[in-house]
Every structure is written in C-alpha cells, then in structure tokens.
Protein backbone atom coordinates (compact mmCIF):
# COMPACT_ATOMS: atom_id res chain seq x y z
CA MET A 1 43.33 7.82 88.64
CA ASP A 2 45.18 9.01 85.62
CA GLY A 3 43.31 9.37 82.35
CA PRO A 4 44.62 8.42 78.93
CA SER A 5 46.11 11.88 78.52
CA GLY A 6 48.20 11.68 81.66
CA ARG A 7 45.99 13.97 83.76
CA THR A 8 44.37 13.11 87.07
CA GLU A 9 40.64 12.89 87.58
CA GLU A 10 40.53 16.56 88.55
CA GLY A 11 41.89 17.40 85.07
CA ARG A 12 45.29 18.53 86.33
CA PHE A 13 48.75 17.31 85.44
CA PRO A 14 50.83 15.47 88.04
CA PRO A 15 53.49 17.52 89.81
CA GLY A 16 56.48 18.23 87.60
CA GLN A 17 54.50 17.69 84.36
CA ALA A 18 52.15 20.69 84.41
CA GLY A 19 51.40 21.99 80.92
CA VAL A 20 53.82 19.59 79.18
CA ALA A 21 52.24 17.72 76.29
CA PRO A 22 53.47 14.18 75.51
CA ALA A 23 55.98 13.91 72.68
CA GLY A 24 54.47 13.68 69.22
CA ARG A 25 51.11 15.01 70.32
CA ARG A 26 49.75 18.52 70.54
CA ARG A 27 47.47 19.43 73.37
CA ARG A 28 45.11 22.41 73.32
CA VAL A 29 45.09 24.55 76.40
CA ARG A 30 41.75 24.42 78.07
CA MET A 31 40.46 27.84 79.08
CA SER A 32 37.66 28.79 81.37
CA GLU A 33 35.31 31.58 80.43
CA PHE A 34 37.06 33.93 82.78
CA GLU A 35 40.45 33.02 81.33
CA GLU A 36 39.15 33.75 77.86
CA ASP A 37 37.96 37.20 78.87
CA LEU A 38 41.12 37.85 80.86
CA SER A 39 43.29 36.88 77.89
CA VAL A 40 41.53 39.42 75.71
CA TRP A 41 41.89 42.29 78.14
CA SER A 42 45.49 41.43 79.03
CA GLY A 43 46.43 41.45 75.33
CA LEU A 44 44.92 44.85 74.58
CA GLY A 45 47.15 47.91 74.60
CA HIS A 46 50.48 46.03 74.82
CA GLU A 47 51.56 46.62 71.24
CA GLY A 48 52.71 50.10 72.12
CA GLU A 49 51.83 53.00 74.29
CA GLY A 50 48.49 54.46 73.32
CA SER A 51 47.85 51.87 70.62
CA VAL A 52 44.55 50.05 70.10
CA LEU A 53 44.51 46.39 69.16
CA THR A 54 41.91 46.01 66.45
CA ALA A 55 43.08 42.70 65.09
CA GLU A 56 41.51 39.57 66.55
CA PRO A 57 43.74 37.64 68.99
CA ARG A 58 44.86 34.10 68.25
CA LEU A 59 45.34 31.44 70.89
CA VAL A 60 48.84 30.04 71.06
CA THR A 61 48.84 26.36 71.91
CA SER A 62 51.35 24.50 74.01
CA ARG A 63 53.14 23.36 70.84
CA PRO A 64 54.17 25.73 68.05
CA GLN A 65 52.07 25.49 64.95
CA GLU A 66 53.35 24.73 61.50
CA GLU A 67 54.23 27.65 59.27
CA ASP A 68 51.24 26.95 57.02
CA GLY A 69 48.89 27.30 60.04
CA LYS A 70 47.21 23.88 59.53
CA GLY A 71 48.17 22.29 62.83
CA ASP A 72 50.42 19.33 63.45
CA GLY A 73 49.54 17.35 60.36
CA ALA A 74 46.91 15.23 62.15
CA GLY A 75 44.10 16.82 60.13
CA ARG A 76 42.99 19.06 62.93
CA PRO A 77 43.17 22.85 62.33
CA ALA A 78 45.14 25.09 64.65
CA ALA A 79 43.23 26.08 67.76
CA ARG A 80 41.95 29.64 67.59
CA MET A 81 39.60 31.56 69.78
CA ARG A 82 38.17 34.91 68.78
CA PHE A 83 36.68 37.41 71.17
CA TRP A 84 34.94 40.77 70.96
CA ALA A 85 36.89 43.59 72.55
CA SER A 86 33.67 44.96 74.02
CA ARG A 87 33.21 42.00 76.37
CA ARG A 88 33.86 42.87 79.98
CA PRO A 89 35.65 40.34 82.19
CA ARG A 90 33.66 38.82 85.00
CA GLU A 91 34.84 39.50 88.49
CA ARG A 92 36.33 36.20 89.48
CA GLY A 93 39.57 35.17 91.11
CA PRO A 94 42.44 36.43 88.94
CA HIS A 95 44.78 33.60 89.86
CA ALA A 96 44.71 31.59 86.66
CA LEU A 97 47.38 32.49 84.13
CA ALA A 98 46.05 33.82 80.85
CA PRO A 99 47.37 32.18 77.69
CA GLN A 100 49.67 34.13 75.39
CA LEU A 101 47.90 36.08 72.67
CA GLU A 102 49.21 37.06 69.28
CA PRO A 103 47.41 39.56 67.04
CA GLU A 104 45.98 38.18 63.85
CA PRO A 105 45.31 40.67 61.05
CA ALA A 106 41.64 40.85 60.24
CA GLU A 107 40.50 41.39 56.68
CA ASP A 108 38.32 44.35 55.74
CA SER A 109 38.84 45.93 59.13
CA GLU A 110 39.39 49.60 59.82
CA PRO A 111 42.99 50.68 60.47
CA SER A 112 43.99 50.89 64.10
CA LEU A 113 44.81 54.15 65.78
CA ALA A 114 48.42 53.06 66.04
CA ALA A 115 48.64 53.03 62.24
CA VAL A 116 47.44 56.61 61.92
CA PRO A 117 50.44 58.98 61.88
CA ALA A 118 50.46 61.67 64.50
CA PRO A 119 49.82 65.19 63.22
CA PRO A 120 52.98 67.20 62.66
CA ARG A 121 54.09 69.45 65.45
CA PRO A 122 53.39 73.11 64.80
CA GLY A 123 56.55 74.68 63.44
CA ARG A 124 57.67 78.08 62.40
CA TRP A 125 55.47 78.01 59.30
CA SER A 126 52.29 76.76 61.03
CA GLN A 127 51.17 80.40 61.57
CA GLY A 128 52.51 81.69 58.27
CA PRO A 129 49.30 83.37 57.05
CA VAL A 130 48.73 85.01 60.44
CA ARG A 131 52.33 86.20 60.53
CA VAL A 132 52.10 87.69 57.05
CA ALA A 133 48.73 89.34 57.71
CA THR A 134 50.00 90.95 60.92
CA GLY A 135 53.15 92.20 59.23
CA VAL A 136 51.24 93.65 56.29
CA ALA A 137 48.75 95.40 58.58
CA VAL A 138 51.48 97.00 60.69
CA GLY A 139 53.41 97.98 57.56
CA ILE A 140 50.40 99.67 55.98
CA LEU A 141 49.67 101.57 59.20
CA ALA A 142 53.29 102.72 59.42
CA LEU A 143 53.32 103.93 55.79
CA ILE A 144 50.11 105.90 56.33
CA LEU A 145 51.48 107.62 59.43
CA PHE A 146 54.83 108.30 57.73
CA ALA A 147 52.93 110.01 54.94
CA VAL A 148 51.02 112.15 57.43
CA GLY A 149 54.14 113.63 58.97
CA PRO A 150 56.80 113.46 61.68
CA VAL A 151 54.41 113.93 64.61
CA ALA A 152 52.17 111.06 63.55
CA SER A 153 55.25 108.91 62.96
CA LEU A 154 56.55 109.79 66.42
CA ALA A 155 53.22 108.81 67.98
CA LEU A 156 53.45 105.35 66.40
CA ASP A 157 57.05 104.96 67.56
CA VAL A 158 56.21 106.01 71.12
CA VAL A 159 53.37 103.49 71.30
CA LEU A 160 55.46 100.62 69.95
CA VAL A 161 58.53 101.31 72.09
CA THR A 162 56.44 101.81 75.24
CA LEU A 163 54.62 98.53 74.63
CA ALA A 164 57.96 96.79 74.15
CA ALA A 165 59.24 98.25 77.42
CA ALA A 166 56.06 97.17 79.21
CA GLU A 167 56.54 93.63 77.91
CA LEU A 168 60.11 93.54 79.20
CA PHE A 169 59.18 94.85 82.65
CA GLY A 170 56.34 92.35 82.83
CA VAL A 171 58.65 89.48 81.95
CA LEU A 172 61.16 90.62 84.58
CA ARG A 173 58.44 90.68 87.22
CA ARG A 174 57.31 87.20 86.33
CA ALA A 175 60.94 86.10 86.65
CA GLY A 176 61.02 87.31 90.27
CA TYR A 177 62.47 90.81 89.86
CA ARG A 178 60.69 93.95 91.11
CA PRO A 179 61.62 96.78 88.72
CA ALA A 180 60.10 100.23 89.06
CA THR A 181 57.83 99.69 86.07
CA LEU A 182 56.08 103.05 86.28
CA VAL A 183 59.39 104.90 86.37
CA GLY A 184 60.71 102.94 83.41
CA LEU A 185 57.62 103.49 81.25
CA VAL A 186 57.36 107.22 82.00
CA ALA A 187 61.07 107.64 81.29
CA THR A 188 60.67 105.80 77.97
CA VAL A 189 57.97 108.17 76.79
CA CYS A 190 59.86 111.23 78.03
CA ILE A 191 63.15 110.37 76.36
CA MET A 192 61.50 109.77 72.98
CA VAL A 193 59.58 113.04 73.08
CA ALA A 194 62.59 114.93 74.43
CA GLY A 195 64.83 113.62 71.64
CA PHE A 196 62.25 114.65 69.04
CA GLU A 197 61.84 118.15 70.48
CA LYS A 198 65.31 119.04 71.77
CA GLY A 199 67.75 116.70 70.07
CA GLN A 200 70.66 114.70 71.49
CA ALA A 201 71.28 116.99 74.46
CA ALA A 202 67.94 116.05 75.96
CA LEU A 203 68.78 112.35 76.13
CA GLY A 204 71.42 112.82 78.81
CA VAL A 205 69.08 114.88 80.95
CA VAL A 206 66.35 112.21 80.86
CA VAL A 207 68.85 109.45 81.71
CA VAL A 208 70.12 111.36 84.76
CA LEU A 209 66.60 112.08 86.00
CA THR A 210 65.62 108.45 85.51
CA VAL A 211 68.52 107.18 87.63
CA VAL A 212 67.75 109.65 90.44
CA VAL A 213 64.00 108.93 90.47
CA ALA A 214 64.59 105.17 90.40
CA LEU A 215 66.90 105.44 93.41
CA LEU A 216 64.30 107.48 95.29
CA TRP A 217 61.66 104.91 94.33
CA TYR A 218 63.43 102.29 96.42
CA LEU A 219 64.69 104.74 99.07
CA LEU A 220 61.15 105.87 99.89
CA GLY A 221 59.94 102.29 100.12
CA VAL A 222 57.61 102.23 97.14
CA GLU A 223 59.33 98.93 96.39
CA ARG A 224 61.36 97.46 99.25
CA SER A 225 62.55 94.18 97.77
CA ARG A 226 66.31 94.01 97.01
CA PRO A 227 66.90 97.59 95.81
CA THR A 228 70.31 96.87 94.23
CA VAL A 229 69.11 94.08 91.97
CA ASN A 230 65.76 95.66 91.13
CA LEU A 231 67.28 99.08 90.46
CA GLY A 232 69.56 97.35 87.97
CA ALA A 233 66.55 95.66 86.36
CA THR A 234 64.79 99.02 86.05
CA LEU A 235 67.72 100.78 84.41
CA PHE A 236 68.42 97.78 82.20
CA GLY A 237 64.89 97.81 80.77
CA PHE A 238 64.92 101.56 80.29
CA LEU A 239 68.34 101.73 78.62
CA TRP A 240 67.80 98.73 76.36
CA VAL A 241 64.33 99.59 75.09
CA GLY A 242 63.71 103.23 75.99
CA PHE A 243 67.12 104.76 75.33
CA LEU A 244 67.89 102.81 72.15
CA GLY A 245 64.32 103.33 70.93
CA SER A 246 64.63 107.08 71.46
CA TYR A 247 66.84 107.27 68.36
CA ALA A 248 63.63 106.96 66.35
CA GLY A 249 62.65 110.33 67.83
CA LEU A 250 66.07 111.74 66.94
CA LEU A 251 65.73 110.56 63.34
CA LEU A 252 62.31 112.19 63.09
CA SER A 253 63.38 115.45 64.76
CA PRO A 254 62.67 118.48 62.52
CA ARG A 255 65.46 120.35 64.36
CA LEU A 256 68.06 117.83 63.20
CA PHE A 257 66.62 116.80 59.85
CA PRO A 258 64.30 119.38 58.27
CA HIS A 259 62.25 118.96 55.09
CA ARG A 260 60.89 115.60 56.30
CA HIS A 261 64.27 113.97 55.68
CA GLY A 262 64.00 112.30 59.06
CA ILE A 263 61.04 110.24 57.84
CA ALA A 264 63.15 109.00 54.93
CA PHE A 265 65.97 108.04 57.27
CA LEU A 266 63.66 106.16 59.65
CA LEU A 267 61.90 104.46 56.74
CA GLY A 268 65.24 103.33 55.35
CA ALA A 269 66.24 101.84 58.70
CA VAL A 270 62.92 99.97 58.97
CA ILE A 271 63.09 98.62 55.40
CA ALA A 272 66.66 97.35 55.86
CA ALA A 273 65.86 95.70 59.20
CA VAL A 274 62.70 94.04 57.90
CA ALA A 275 64.52 92.82 54.79
CA TYR A 276 67.16 91.20 56.97
CA ASP A 277 64.57 89.49 59.19
CA VAL A 278 62.56 88.14 56.26
CA GLY A 279 65.61 86.98 54.32
CA ALA A 280 67.07 85.24 57.36
CA LEU A 281 63.76 83.52 58.09
CA LEU A 282 63.19 82.28 54.55
CA VAL A 283 66.71 81.04 53.90
CA GLY A 284 67.29 79.69 57.39
CA SER A 285 64.02 77.75 57.44
CA ARG A 286 64.68 76.20 54.04
CA TRP A 287 68.43 75.60 53.92
CA GLY A 288 69.64 76.23 57.47
CA ARG A 289 72.01 73.45 58.61
CA HIS A 290 74.87 75.04 60.57
CA GLN A 291 73.93 76.67 63.87
CA LEU A 292 75.06 80.23 64.43
CA ALA A 293 74.92 80.33 68.24
CA ARG A 294 73.82 76.98 69.68
CA SER A 295 73.92 78.04 73.32
CA ILE A 296 71.87 81.18 72.69
CA SER A 297 69.48 80.45 69.83
CA PRO A 298 69.67 76.95 68.29
CA HIS A 299 67.32 77.87 65.43
CA LYS A 300 69.54 80.60 63.99
CA THR A 301 71.94 79.38 61.33
CA TRP A 302 74.81 80.69 59.25
CA GLU A 303 72.73 80.09 56.13
CA GLY A 304 70.01 82.32 57.57
CA LEU A 305 72.59 84.98 58.37
CA ALA A 306 73.84 84.89 54.78
CA GLY A 307 70.29 85.05 53.40
CA GLY A 308 69.40 87.97 55.64
CA THR A 309 72.55 89.85 54.69
CA LEU A 310 71.91 89.38 50.98
CA ALA A 311 68.28 90.51 51.28
CA CYS A 312 69.32 93.50 53.36
CA LEU A 313 71.89 94.63 50.79
CA VAL A 314 69.53 94.17 47.85
CA PHE A 315 66.66 96.10 49.40
CA SER A 316 68.94 98.82 50.77
CA VAL A 317 70.37 99.52 47.31
CA LEU A 318 67.29 98.98 45.13
CA VAL A 319 64.56 100.30 47.44
CA VAL A 320 66.11 102.57 50.06
CA GLY A 321 68.51 104.01 47.48
CA ARG A 322 65.52 105.46 45.59
CA ILE A 323 64.19 107.35 48.62
CA HIS A 324 65.54 110.90 48.81
CA PRO A 325 67.99 111.85 50.31
CA TRP A 326 69.31 108.27 50.27
CA GLY A 327 71.32 107.17 47.24
CA SER A 328 72.76 103.95 45.88
CA LEU A 329 76.08 104.29 47.73
CA SER A 330 74.54 105.46 50.98
CA GLY A 331 71.94 102.70 50.66
CA LEU A 332 74.74 100.16 50.24
CA ALA A 333 76.45 101.57 53.34
CA LEU A 334 73.18 101.27 55.24
CA GLY A 335 72.81 97.65 54.12
CA LEU A 336 76.31 96.79 55.31
CA VAL A 337 75.77 98.40 58.70
CA VAL A 338 72.35 96.85 59.25
CA SER A 339 73.54 93.38 58.22
CA VAL A 340 76.04 93.59 61.11
CA VAL A 341 73.98 95.16 63.90
CA ALA A 342 70.60 93.53 63.18
CA PRO A 343 71.72 89.95 63.98
CA LEU A 344 73.45 91.25 67.10
CA GLY A 345 70.22 92.80 68.34
CA ASP A 346 68.34 89.60 67.58
CA LEU A 347 70.90 87.45 69.39
CA CYS A 348 70.94 89.75 72.42
CA GLU A 349 67.18 89.41 72.85
CA SER A 350 67.46 85.61 72.43
CA MET A 351 70.11 85.61 75.16
CA ILE A 352 67.80 87.47 77.55
CA LYS A 353 64.87 85.19 76.77
CA ARG A 354 66.96 82.08 77.28
CA ASP A 355 68.23 83.40 80.60
CA LEU A 356 64.65 84.13 81.73
CA GLY A 357 63.38 80.80 80.39
CA ILE A 358 60.73 82.17 78.00
CA LYS A 359 59.98 81.79 74.31
CA ASP A 360 58.28 85.13 73.49
CA MET A 361 58.27 88.47 75.25
CA GLY A 362 54.54 88.89 74.68
CA PHE A 363 51.55 88.04 72.52
CA LEU A 364 50.27 91.34 71.14
CA LEU A 365 51.25 90.58 67.53
CA PRO A 366 49.58 87.36 66.33
CA GLY A 367 52.07 85.05 64.66
CA HIS A 368 55.03 87.13 65.86
CA GLY A 369 54.82 87.08 69.65
CA GLY A 370 55.36 90.37 71.41
CA VAL A 371 56.28 93.81 70.14
CA LEU A 372 59.80 93.47 71.54
CA ASP A 373 60.21 90.24 69.57
CA ARG A 374 59.78 92.25 66.37
CA VAL A 375 61.75 95.39 67.22
CA ASP A 376 64.72 93.67 68.88
CA ALA A 377 66.93 94.09 65.81
CA LEU A 378 65.52 97.56 65.10
CA LEU A 379 66.65 98.76 68.55
CA PHE A 380 70.24 98.25 67.38
CA VAL A 381 69.56 99.52 63.85
CA LEU A 382 68.12 102.90 64.92
CA PRO A 383 71.24 104.34 66.61
CA ALA A 384 73.48 102.80 63.92
CA THR A 385 71.42 104.52 61.22
CA PHE A 386 71.45 107.84 63.07
CA TYR A 387 75.24 107.91 63.36
CA LEU A 388 75.64 106.65 59.77
CA VAL A 389 73.54 109.57 58.53
CA ARG A 390 75.69 111.92 60.65
CA VAL A 391 78.93 110.48 59.30
CA LEU A 392 77.74 110.62 55.68
CA ASN A 393 76.32 114.13 56.30
CA LEU A 394 73.03 113.26 54.62
CA GLY A 395 70.81 115.43 56.78
C-alpha cells in the first residue's frame, strides 16, 4: 500500500512518478552507503583534466535550494552530505544512479592542484647563463690562440669546422641519407690546410679530388645505397661547411697576408658576426613582433634583423676599426657586408633544419646546440670578408 509520501511499501515511487516530489514539498534523496561512496568518486576529477577536487561535495536535492542555502523555508536546513576522498567504494552492483554533486568551498583548506599555475615552458632565455658561459669560454680560448699565432688559430678553425661537418653528416644519416662521411671529413681538413699553405689555387684541386673520390666511393661499393642522391648529400655537406669554412684558412695564410694581418682580418669577421647574432637575439626576443620568414624560421623577426644590423655596424666601426690594419671606413664596410650575409647564412641553416625536421644540428655547445648552429652565419661571413679585404686592398 501507498504511504503518506506517495511511495509503495518497498519505498519506491509508482510508475511514472519516480523521483518527483509533490508540489510544495521538498523531498531528500535517500542514498545507500554504496551510492554515497559512488557519488564521491564519480564527482572527483570532473572539474578539468588533471584537476583534484579538494572541496567537499554537496548533495543536490530533488528541489533547488533557496539562494540563502537555508532550505525551503520549513525550518529544515538544506540536505548536505560530506565524505572523505580517501574512502574506497565497496564492490557492489553499480546500477543505482549517483546523485549530482556540486563542489562546496571548504574554509582553511589547502589550494587544489588545479589552482596552482603550471610552470612556464622553457624559452630562449631559460638557458641564458649556460649560453653566456659557453660563449665566453669559447671566446677566451679563441683570443688566446689568436695571440699565439696563425698556426694555433688554424688548428682551432680546423677543429670547429670539422666538428660542424661531422654534425651535418650525422644529421643527414639520421634523415635516411648515406653520405660518404669519411670522404667529406677528410676533404674538409685537407681544404682548410691547403688554403692556409698554398692559397686559393689549392681549393680547386681539393674540390676536384673530393668529387672523384666520392664517385669512386660509391662505384667500388663502399656504400651501395642510391649513389646519385647520396653523392649529392656528400658534396653538399663538403661544399657548405668545408669549402666555405676553408676561407678561414685563406684569411690566416701567411702567403696572402703577412705580418699577422690575417689574424686581424679573421678576428674582425668573427667580431662582426657575433655582434650581429647577439644584437638580433636581444632585440628580437624583447621587441620582435613581425616575422621575417614565417615558413623558414618563425622566431626570426624584422626587429631582430634591425637590432643585429645596428649592433654589427657599431662594433665593426668602434671595435674592429681599432684593429690594425682595419680602419673606421673599412670597419663600416665590413659591418654593411656582414649585416647582409650573416642573416642569409642563418636563414639557410634554418631552411635545412626545417626540411630535415630537427631543431639543433648537435649538442656539443651547452645552451647553443651544435657547432654548426653557431657558425652558420660565419660560414657566409668568411668568404665575404676575404673578398672585401681583396677589394679594399688591405692585405
């Protein structure tokens, strides 16, 4: 028989009236112990992905409460049930529907994990101290070897350029190509030493020998995979890094530039290129808004280009211009040339990296990436400086 509340003896509503409270009255939803536990666990973690519900849940009755939270005016407080999040639900039949839960802010409680802001993603300045320390260490080493003499300077250049070439050949291999790495590295060392000892005429000889030996490398079956494509990869790596880097040996050559003038020319090229890189980084990171080449390098901006150009001109005139046989006018000419070719070298390396799907060429220089990542602009600056010195007849 029906009770005074309209339910049957089993405590259930007649068909068609399930869960509907009579008009003017508010009925509290009766919950079993399992339903209570299930309601807690079903309410946790739904405020957002990865969030933790630390506030205590509040039971929502079948009739909305008043805004003041005091119930329906009958003197009875709003029904609330509080649970500990550590309670584990009992393994019973999960067929009963859990009541809707709403979080209620708890006083004097610790903030939830969802309220704690995520740490910022590491950006370009996250390794600033490491970047600066690495740059200062390499700069000090270079100045010491420049002071020792041309041979010591050449040794440093050979090591750096060979490491850069090794990084490029390694990246090409990981990308699926099979360049003749040994041929490319040996040719890189030979062309730098030959340029230092014999001058410009030796460069052509080394290039011819490299092409012939690379062809024989694939003809004799040392590497059998796709000789046309992989021969192109070999010559590309050698010409980009080895051939362009060999102009450091030409600048240092005592035959071409006696009286240690070659060291001054190479030092001027390095100072101008570094000034451009630092100026572009500082200005671009702070005020960069307009992208320079979105499809190649989205992080490079026109503001960074302007900042790098200004820094390059200032350092070329005020610093390089004081190094004999450079002067103020020749330093200004160097700054103008470097401000044009340095960003081109940087963009060309970014184009290759984007095509290969990598961020850095290597990891040998902490905070900078690989050696090739730091000498990419210098590879274009070295031949430009050599021919500028020839045109101005400074040697």
